[in-house]
Amino acid sequence: MADSDNDYLVQSPDPQHPANLIPELCAKFWHLGWVTGTGGGTSIRDDDLVYLAPSGVSKELVKPADIFVLELSKQVNQKERIYLRKPPVLKPSQCTPLFIAAFTKRNAGCCIHTHSQWAVLITLLLERQRANTKVFEINNIEQIKGFARGFGKEGNLGYHDTLRIPVIENTPFEEDLTDSLEKAMEEFPDTCAVLVRRHGIYVWGDTVHKAKTQCESLDYLFQLAVEMHKLSLPWLSNII
């Protein structure tokens, strides 16, 4: 089927339609400094349909007509994606296999990738620690309440709980991060995000709202953690 025949997939007056939400989210994230240049990306799953922002486009300029669409159930080879709609000229995001990992392994409804400076700084601070720490941990901070307890679990974390976000090593090509991200998901089954050393972060949630909320909460905690480090304040404490 010709790509032009499937333009209806990204045409809707509904502001909550994925093709309308993705450009709006990308613009918000650009204003936050999370997706400068053409970095970062966002993907939303609607049942079996996956909507993806394109690669190589300034995120504040993304339009519904720029959105790629694929059927999740039809993807059998991460090197050979089959798209229902593929805009002419534009390239699909290299983040695609990582987004798909969140959708298939965590049944996520939305996955967000940012190049947040605070996320990168956290990975650098962890890198400098003895044994090159592979997980960010923080507790006894109110914002921790913004995170779900874990995949398939009810409710959110509490103030005294410890939030753990694993760190994987960066690769020259983004799609090559997929195996490491999936391994981190297995080792940390309750995580809603994976940090990528010297690169950024992937965050997912059951819905667009949850993914966005968790992404914002993480960025707050990363900034707070950097400032705490400057003051020699520990990220983990024994408050009960």
C-alpha atoms as a PDB file:
ATOM      1  CA  MET A   1       0.000   0.000   0.000  1.00  0.00           C
ATOM      2  CA  ALA A   2       1.374   3.421  -0.923  1.00  0.00           C
ATOM      3  CA  ASP A   3       2.462   5.612   1.982  1.00  0.00           C
ATOM      4  CA  SER A   4       0.238   8.448   0.769  1.00  0.00           C
ATOM      5  CA  ASP A   5      -2.788   6.157   1.081  1.00  0.00           C
ATOM      6  CA  ASN A   6      -2.235   6.014   4.824  1.00  0.00           C
ATOM      7  CA  ASP A   7      -2.135   9.722   5.581  1.00  0.00           C
ATOM      8  CA  TYR A   8      -5.471   9.288   7.348  1.00  0.00           C
ATOM      9  CA  LEU A   9      -3.529   7.652  10.212  1.00  0.00           C
ATOM     10  CA  VAL A  10      -2.096  11.029  11.228  1.00  0.00           C
ATOM     11  CA  GLN A  11      -5.080  13.207  10.431  1.00  0.00           C
ATOM     12  CA  SER A  12      -7.507  13.847  13.290  1.00  0.00           C
ATOM     13  CA  PRO A  13      -9.218  16.861  14.908  1.00  0.00           C
ATOM     14  CA  ASP A  14      -8.836  15.136  18.298  1.00  0.00           C
ATOM     15  CA  PRO A  15      -6.055  16.891  20.290  1.00  0.00           C
ATOM     16  CA  GLN A  16      -5.471  13.600  22.151  1.00  0.00           C
ATOM     17  CA  HIS A  17      -4.702  11.704  18.947  1.00  0.00           C
ATOM     18  CA  PRO A  18      -1.073  10.447  19.016  1.00  0.00           C
ATOM     19  CA  ALA A  19      -0.188  12.315  15.816  1.00  0.00           C
ATOM     20  CA  ASN A  20      -1.261  15.559  17.485  1.00  0.00           C
ATOM     21  CA  LEU A  21       0.157  14.780  20.923  1.00  0.00           C
ATOM     22  CA  ILE A  22       3.666  13.882  19.762  1.00  0.00           C
ATOM     23  CA  PRO A  23       4.399  17.285  18.149  1.00  0.00           C
ATOM     24  CA  GLU A  24       2.957  19.033  21.218  1.00  0.00           C
ATOM     25  CA  LEU A  25       5.118  16.973  23.585  1.00  0.00           C
ATOM     26  CA  CYS A  26       8.219  17.422  21.439  1.00  0.00           C
ATOM     27  CA  ALA A  27       7.734  21.209  21.499  1.00  0.00           C
ATOM     28  CA  LYS A  28       7.317  21.171  25.297  1.00  0.00           C
ATOM     29  CA  PHE A  29      10.440  19.089  25.733  1.00  0.00           C
ATOM     30  CA  TRP A  30      12.383  21.397  23.405  1.00  0.00           C
ATOM     31  CA  HIS A  31      11.443  24.382  25.560  1.00  0.00           C
ATOM     32  CA  LEU A  32      12.684  22.445  28.607  1.00  0.00           C
ATOM     33  CA  GLY A  33      16.042  21.894  26.887  1.00  0.00           C
ATOM     34  CA  TRP A  34      15.582  18.138  26.759  1.00  0.00           C
ATOM     35  CA  VAL A  35      15.666  17.686  22.954  1.00  0.00           C
ATOM     36  CA  THR A  36      17.989  20.365  21.603  1.00  0.00           C
ATOM     37  CA  GLY A  37      19.197  20.093  18.046  1.00  0.00           C
ATOM     38  CA  THR A  38      17.415  17.075  16.611  1.00  0.00           C
ATOM     39  CA  GLY A  39      18.091  14.831  19.619  1.00  0.00           C
ATOM     40  CA  GLY A  40      15.575  12.840  21.602  1.00  0.00           C
ATOM     41  CA  GLY A  41      12.207  11.509  20.570  1.00  0.00           C
ATOM     42  CA  THR A  42       8.741  10.422  21.613  1.00  0.00           C
ATOM     43  CA  SER A  43       6.538   7.485  20.712  1.00  0.00           C
ATOM     44  CA  ILE A  44       2.936   6.638  21.622  1.00  0.00           C
ATOM     45  CA  ARG A  45       1.213   3.263  21.323  1.00  0.00           C
ATOM     46  CA  ASP A  46      -2.499   3.045  20.582  1.00  0.00           C
ATOM     47  CA  ASP A  47      -3.376  -0.639  20.836  1.00  0.00           C
ATOM     48  CA  ASP A  48      -1.341  -2.233  18.007  1.00  0.00           C
ATOM     49  CA  LEU A  49      -0.450   1.046  16.291  1.00  0.00           C
ATOM     50  CA  VAL A  50       2.789   2.822  17.228  1.00  0.00           C
ATOM     51  CA  TYR A  51       3.298   6.497  16.358  1.00  0.00           C
ATOM     52  CA  LEU A  52       6.860   7.849  16.246  1.00  0.00           C
ATOM     53  CA  ALA A  53       8.527  11.237  15.846  1.00  0.00           C
ATOM     54  CA  PRO A  54      10.990  11.334  12.917  1.00  0.00           C
ATOM     55  CA  SER A  55      14.771  11.478  13.090  1.00  0.00           C
ATOM     56  CA  GLY A  56      16.823  14.483  12.029  1.00  0.00           C
ATOM     57  CA  VAL A  57      14.042  17.039  12.570  1.00  0.00           C
ATOM     58  CA  SER A  58      14.163  19.872  15.105  1.00  0.00           C
ATOM     59  CA  LYS A  59      11.695  18.637  17.676  1.00  0.00           C
ATOM     60  CA  GLU A  60       9.932  21.995  18.145  1.00  0.00           C
ATOM     61  CA  LEU A  61       9.061  21.922  14.442  1.00  0.00           C
ATOM     62  CA  VAL A  62       7.602  18.407  14.224  1.00  0.00           C
ATOM     63  CA  LYS A  63       4.145  18.300  12.599  1.00  0.00           C
ATOM     64  CA  PRO A  64       1.503  15.524  12.482  1.00  0.00           C
ATOM     65  CA  ALA A  65       2.384  14.935   8.826  1.00  0.00           C
ATOM     66  CA  ASP A  66       5.950  14.039   9.941  1.00  0.00           C
ATOM     67  CA  ILE A  67       4.838  11.116  12.103  1.00  0.00           C
ATOM     68  CA  PHE A  68       5.738   7.510  11.296  1.00  0.00           C
ATOM     69  CA  VAL A  69       3.245   4.720  12.045  1.00  0.00           C
ATOM     70  CA  LEU A  70       3.796   0.977  12.349  1.00  0.00           C
ATOM     71  CA  GLU A  71       1.905  -2.076  13.578  1.00  0.00           C
ATOM     72  CA  LEU A  72       3.558  -3.512  16.666  1.00  0.00           C
ATOM     73  CA  SER A  73       2.461  -7.075  15.919  1.00  0.00           C
ATOM     74  CA  LYS A  74       4.075  -6.995  12.457  1.00  0.00           C
ATOM     75  CA  GLN A  75       7.606  -6.205  13.685  1.00  0.00           C
ATOM     76  CA  VAL A  76       9.783  -9.326  13.559  1.00  0.00           C
ATOM     77  CA  ASN A  77      13.200  -7.879  12.699  1.00  0.00           C
ATOM     78  CA  GLN A  78      14.498  -4.764  14.472  1.00  0.00           C
ATOM     79  CA  LYS A  79      16.810  -4.084  11.519  1.00  0.00           C
ATOM     80  CA  GLU A  80      13.950  -4.163   8.999  1.00  0.00           C
ATOM     81  CA  ARG A  81      10.983  -2.208  10.267  1.00  0.00           C
ATOM     82  CA  ILE A  82       7.687  -2.411   8.416  1.00  0.00           C
ATOM     83  CA  TYR A  83       5.837   0.922   8.442  1.00  0.00           C
ATOM     84  CA  LEU A  84       2.180   1.553   7.717  1.00  0.00           C
ATOM     85  CA  ARG A  85       2.998   5.205   7.105  1.00  0.00           C
ATOM     86  CA  LYS A  86       6.430   6.524   6.236  1.00  0.00           C
ATOM     87  CA  PRO A  87       6.663  10.236   5.377  1.00  0.00           C
ATOM     88  CA  PRO A  88       8.638  10.989   2.213  1.00  0.00           C
ATOM     89  CA  VAL A  89      12.201  12.315   2.686  1.00  0.00           C
ATOM     90  CA  LEU A  90      12.190  11.921   6.491  1.00  0.00           C
ATOM     91  CA  LYS A  91      14.053   9.138   8.283  1.00  0.00           C
ATOM     92  CA  PRO A  92      12.611   6.926  11.032  1.00  0.00           C
ATOM     93  CA  SER A  93      14.048   7.370  14.506  1.00  0.00           C
ATOM     94  CA  GLN A  94      16.967   5.195  15.582  1.00  0.00           C
ATOM     95  CA  CYS A  95      15.166   5.069  18.941  1.00  0.00           C
ATOM     96  CA  THR A  96      12.453   2.880  17.396  1.00  0.00           C
ATOM     97  CA  PRO A  97      13.698  -0.529  18.668  1.00  0.00           C
ATOM     98  CA  LEU A  98      14.102   0.894  22.176  1.00  0.00           C
ATOM     99  CA  PHE A  99      10.589   2.318  22.128  1.00  0.00           C
ATOM    100  CA  ILE A 100       9.314  -1.049  20.941  1.00  0.00           C
ATOM    101  CA  ALA A 101      11.112  -2.754  23.847  1.00  0.00           C
ATOM    102  CA  ALA A 102       9.126  -0.576  26.276  1.00  0.00           C
ATOM    103  CA  PHE A 103       5.876  -1.393  24.472  1.00  0.00           C
ATOM    104  CA  THR A 104       6.435  -5.138  24.219  1.00  0.00           C
ATOM    105  CA  LYS A 105       8.202  -5.844  27.523  1.00  0.00           C
ATOM    106  CA  ARG A 106       6.368  -3.356  29.750  1.00  0.00           C
ATOM    107  CA  ASN A 107       3.108  -2.883  27.851  1.00  0.00           C
ATOM    108  CA  ALA A 108       3.832   0.863  27.920  1.00  0.00           C
ATOM    109  CA  GLY A 109       1.529   3.347  26.242  1.00  0.00           C
ATOM    110  CA  CYS A 110       4.202   5.989  25.759  1.00  0.00           C
ATOM    111  CA  CYS A 111       7.999   6.137  25.746  1.00  0.00           C
ATOM    112  CA  ILE A 112      10.035   9.347  25.893  1.00  0.00           C
ATOM    113  CA  HIS A 113      13.735   9.784  25.127  1.00  0.00           C
ATOM    114  CA  THR A 114      15.514  12.973  26.198  1.00  0.00           C
ATOM    115  CA  HIS A 115      19.050  14.322  26.232  1.00  0.00           C
ATOM    116  CA  SER A 116      18.491  16.103  29.532  1.00  0.00           C
ATOM    117  CA  GLN A 117      21.700  17.637  30.873  1.00  0.00           C
ATOM    118  CA  TRP A 118      20.730  16.584  34.401  1.00  0.00           C
ATOM    119  CA  ALA A 119      20.362  12.964  33.319  1.00  0.00           C
ATOM    120  CA  VAL A 120      23.772  13.079  31.628  1.00  0.00           C
ATOM    121  CA  LEU A 121      25.385  14.690  34.671  1.00  0.00           C
ATOM    122  CA  ILE A 122      24.019  11.952  36.926  1.00  0.00           C
ATOM    123  CA  THR A 123      25.621   9.295  34.722  1.00  0.00           C
ATOM    124  CA  LEU A 124      28.939  11.180  34.899  1.00  0.00           C
ATOM    125  CA  LEU A 125      28.781  11.409  38.696  1.00  0.00           C
ATOM    126  CA  LEU A 126      28.050   7.685  38.888  1.00  0.00           C
ATOM    127  CA  GLU A 127      30.885   6.991  36.449  1.00  0.00           C
ATOM    128  CA  ARG A 128      33.301   8.761  38.797  1.00  0.00           C
ATOM    129  CA  GLN A 129      32.274   6.666  41.768  1.00  0.00           C
ATOM    130  CA  ARG A 130      34.279   3.601  42.735  1.00  0.00           C
ATOM    131  CA  ALA A 131      33.428   0.552  40.600  1.00  0.00           C
ATOM    132  CA  ASN A 132      31.606   2.767  38.079  1.00  0.00           C
ATOM    133  CA  THR A 133      28.165   2.501  39.700  1.00  0.00           C
ATOM    134  CA  LYS A 134      25.482   1.180  37.341  1.00  0.00           C
ATOM    135  CA  VAL A 135      22.393   2.426  39.170  1.00  0.00           C
ATOM    136  CA  PHE A 136      21.131   5.766  40.456  1.00  0.00           C
ATOM    137  CA  GLU A 137      19.459   5.485  43.869  1.00  0.00           C
ATOM    138  CA  ILE A 138      17.676   8.088  45.964  1.00  0.00           C
ATOM    139  CA  ASN A 139      15.181   7.978  48.848  1.00  0.00           C
ATOM    140  CA  ASN A 140      13.344  10.144  51.359  1.00  0.00           C
ATOM    141  CA  ILE A 141      12.452  12.801  48.766  1.00  0.00           C
ATOM    142  CA  GLU A 142       8.799  13.777  48.249  1.00  0.00           C
ATOM    143  CA  GLN A 143       8.970  13.618  44.434  1.00  0.00           C
ATOM    144  CA  ILE A 144       9.538   9.862  44.608  1.00  0.00           C
ATOM    145  CA  LYS A 145       5.772   9.569  45.098  1.00  0.00           C
ATOM    146  CA  GLY A 146       5.376  10.348  41.392  1.00  0.00           C
ATOM    147  CA  PHE A 147       6.558   6.876  40.343  1.00  0.00           C
ATOM    148  CA  ALA A 148       4.648   3.640  39.980  1.00  0.00           C
ATOM    149  CA  ARG A 149       5.791   0.755  42.196  1.00  0.00           C
ATOM    150  CA  GLY A 150       6.633  -1.329  39.165  1.00  0.00           C
ATOM    151  CA  PHE A 151       5.342  -3.283  36.224  1.00  0.00           C
ATOM    152  CA  GLY A 152       2.129  -5.083  37.168  1.00  0.00           C
ATOM    153  CA  LYS A 153       2.090  -3.611  40.685  1.00  0.00           C
ATOM    154  CA  GLU A 154      -0.575  -1.391  42.202  1.00  0.00           C
ATOM    155  CA  GLY A 155       0.066   2.119  43.504  1.00  0.00           C
ATOM    156  CA  ASN A 156       3.055   4.429  43.631  1.00  0.00           C
ATOM    157  CA  LEU A 157       6.281   4.502  45.600  1.00  0.00           C
ATOM    158  CA  GLY A 158       6.196   6.181  48.994  1.00  0.00           C
ATOM    159  CA  TYR A 159       8.345   8.928  50.471  1.00  0.00           C
ATOM    160  CA  HIS A 160      10.598   6.436  52.320  1.00  0.00           C
ATOM    161  CA  ASP A 161      11.000   4.090  49.338  1.00  0.00           C
ATOM    162  CA  THR A 162      14.181   3.968  47.282  1.00  0.00           C
ATOM    163  CA  LEU A 163      13.915   4.839  43.604  1.00  0.00           C
ATOM    164  CA  ARG A 164      16.410   2.923  41.450  1.00  0.00           C
ATOM    165  CA  ILE A 165      17.221   3.795  37.822  1.00  0.00           C
ATOM    166  CA  PRO A 166      19.747   1.570  36.015  1.00  0.00           C
ATOM    167  CA  VAL A 167      22.518   2.929  33.781  1.00  0.00           C
ATOM    168  CA  ILE A 168      23.678   1.376  30.513  1.00  0.00           C
ATOM    169  CA  GLU A 169      26.692   2.292  28.409  1.00  0.00           C
ATOM    170  CA  ASN A 170      26.319   4.405  25.282  1.00  0.00           C
ATOM    171  CA  THR A 171      27.003   3.099  21.775  1.00  0.00           C
ATOM    172  CA  PRO A 172      27.888   4.915  18.516  1.00  0.00           C
ATOM    173  CA  PHE A 173      24.536   3.906  16.999  1.00  0.00           C
ATOM    174  CA  GLU A 174      21.402   4.328  19.086  1.00  0.00           C
ATOM    175  CA  GLU A 175      19.636   1.188  17.916  1.00  0.00           C
ATOM    176  CA  ASP A 176      22.568  -0.844  19.286  1.00  0.00           C
ATOM    177  CA  LEU A 177      21.466   0.143  22.814  1.00  0.00           C
ATOM    178  CA  THR A 178      18.457  -2.170  22.556  1.00  0.00           C
ATOM    179  CA  ASP A 179      20.013  -5.313  24.025  1.00  0.00           C
ATOM    180  CA  SER A 180      21.478  -3.408  26.980  1.00  0.00           C
ATOM    181  CA  LEU A 181      18.171  -1.655  27.644  1.00  0.00           C
ATOM    182  CA  GLU A 182      16.277  -4.954  27.595  1.00  0.00           C
ATOM    183  CA  LYS A 183      18.849  -6.513  29.948  1.00  0.00           C
ATOM    184  CA  ALA A 184      18.430  -3.570  32.353  1.00  0.00           C
ATOM    185  CA  MET A 185      14.659  -4.121  32.256  1.00  0.00           C
ATOM    186  CA  GLU A 186      15.228  -7.735  33.310  1.00  0.00           C
ATOM    187  CA  GLU A 187      17.651  -6.829  36.116  1.00  0.00           C
ATOM    188  CA  PHE A 188      15.446  -3.986  37.377  1.00  0.00           C
ATOM    189  CA  PRO A 189      11.885  -5.166  36.664  1.00  0.00           C
ATOM    190  CA  ASP A 190      10.319  -2.287  38.617  1.00  0.00           C
ATOM    191  CA  THR A 191      12.118   0.519  36.799  1.00  0.00           C
ATOM    192  CA  CYS A 192      10.231   2.948  34.561  1.00  0.00           C
ATOM    193  CA  ALA A 193      13.395   4.324  32.984  1.00  0.00           C
ATOM    194  CA  VAL A 194      16.942   3.571  31.867  1.00  0.00           C
ATOM    195  CA  LEU A 195      19.779   6.100  31.883  1.00  0.00           C
ATOM    196  CA  VAL A 196      22.295   5.994  29.040  1.00  0.00           C
ATOM    197  CA  ARG A 197      25.801   7.029  30.070  1.00  0.00           C
ATOM    198  CA  ARG A 198      26.883  10.375  28.577  1.00  0.00           C
ATOM    199  CA  HIS A 199      23.740  10.394  26.422  1.00  0.00           C
ATOM    200  CA  GLY A 200      20.364  10.780  28.145  1.00  0.00           C
ATOM    201  CA  ILE A 201      17.421   8.718  29.345  1.00  0.00           C
ATOM    202  CA  TYR A 202      14.483   6.579  28.202  1.00  0.00           C
ATOM    203  CA  VAL A 203      11.291   6.844  30.283  1.00  0.00           C
ATOM    204  CA  TRP A 204       8.034   4.954  29.777  1.00  0.00           C
ATOM    205  CA  GLY A 205       4.586   4.778  31.334  1.00  0.00           C
ATOM    206  CA  ASP A 206       1.213   3.081  30.962  1.00  0.00           C
ATOM    207  CA  THR A 207      -0.195   6.283  29.450  1.00  0.00           C
ATOM    208  CA  VAL A 208       1.134   9.488  27.920  1.00  0.00           C
ATOM    209  CA  HIS A 209       0.284  11.321  31.145  1.00  0.00           C
ATOM    210  CA  LYS A 210       2.199   8.829  33.309  1.00  0.00           C
ATOM    211  CA  ALA A 211       5.247   8.797  31.035  1.00  0.00           C
ATOM    212  CA  LYS A 212       5.349  12.611  30.963  1.00  0.00           C
ATOM    213  CA  THR A 213       4.865  12.873  34.738  1.00  0.00           C
ATOM    214  CA  GLN A 214       7.634  10.379  35.433  1.00  0.00           C
ATOM    215  CA  CYS A 215       9.957  12.084  32.974  1.00  0.00           C
ATOM    216  CA  GLU A 216       9.407  15.445  34.669  1.00  0.00           C
ATOM    217  CA  SER A 217       9.797  13.926  38.134  1.00  0.00           C
ATOM    218  CA  LEU A 218      13.052  12.240  37.168  1.00  0.00           C
ATOM    219  CA  ASP A 219      14.489  15.439  35.770  1.00  0.00           C
ATOM    220  CA  TYR A 220      13.605  17.219  39.030  1.00  0.00           C
ATOM    221  CA  LEU A 221      15.305  14.477  41.067  1.00  0.00           C
ATOM    222  CA  PHE A 222      18.399  14.468  38.857  1.00  0.00           C
ATOM    223  CA  GLN A 223      18.820  18.227  39.211  1.00  0.00           C
ATOM    224  CA  LEU A 224      18.258  17.949  42.958  1.00  0.00           C
ATOM    225  CA  ALA A 225      20.790  15.106  43.174  1.00  0.00           C
ATOM    226  CA  VAL A 226      23.437  17.146  41.352  1.00  0.00           C
ATOM    227  CA  GLU A 227      22.903  20.035  43.776  1.00  0.00           C
ATOM    228  CA  MET A 228      22.976  17.645  46.749  1.00  0.00           C
ATOM    229  CA  HIS A 229      26.279  16.280  45.499  1.00  0.00           C
ATOM    230  CA  LYS A 230      27.741  19.787  45.423  1.00  0.00           C
ATOM    231  CA  LEU A 231      26.805  20.163  49.095  1.00  0.00           C
ATOM    232  CA  SER A 232      28.128  16.688  49.999  1.00  0.00           C
ATOM    233  CA  LEU A 233      24.616  15.559  50.887  1.00  0.00           C
ATOM    234  CA  PRO A 234      23.950  11.819  50.430  1.00  0.00           C
ATOM    235  CA  TRP A 235      21.290  10.586  47.999  1.00  0.00           C
ATOM    236  CA  LEU A 236      20.412   7.774  50.397  1.00  0.00           C
ATOM    237  CA  SER A 237      19.502   8.453  54.037  1.00  0.00           C
ATOM    238  CA  ASN A 238      18.195   6.516  57.027  1.00  0.00           C
ATOM    239  CA  ILE A 239      15.197   8.705  57.820  1.00  0.00           C
ATOM    240  CA  ILE A 240      12.272   6.590  59.037  1.00  0.00           C
END
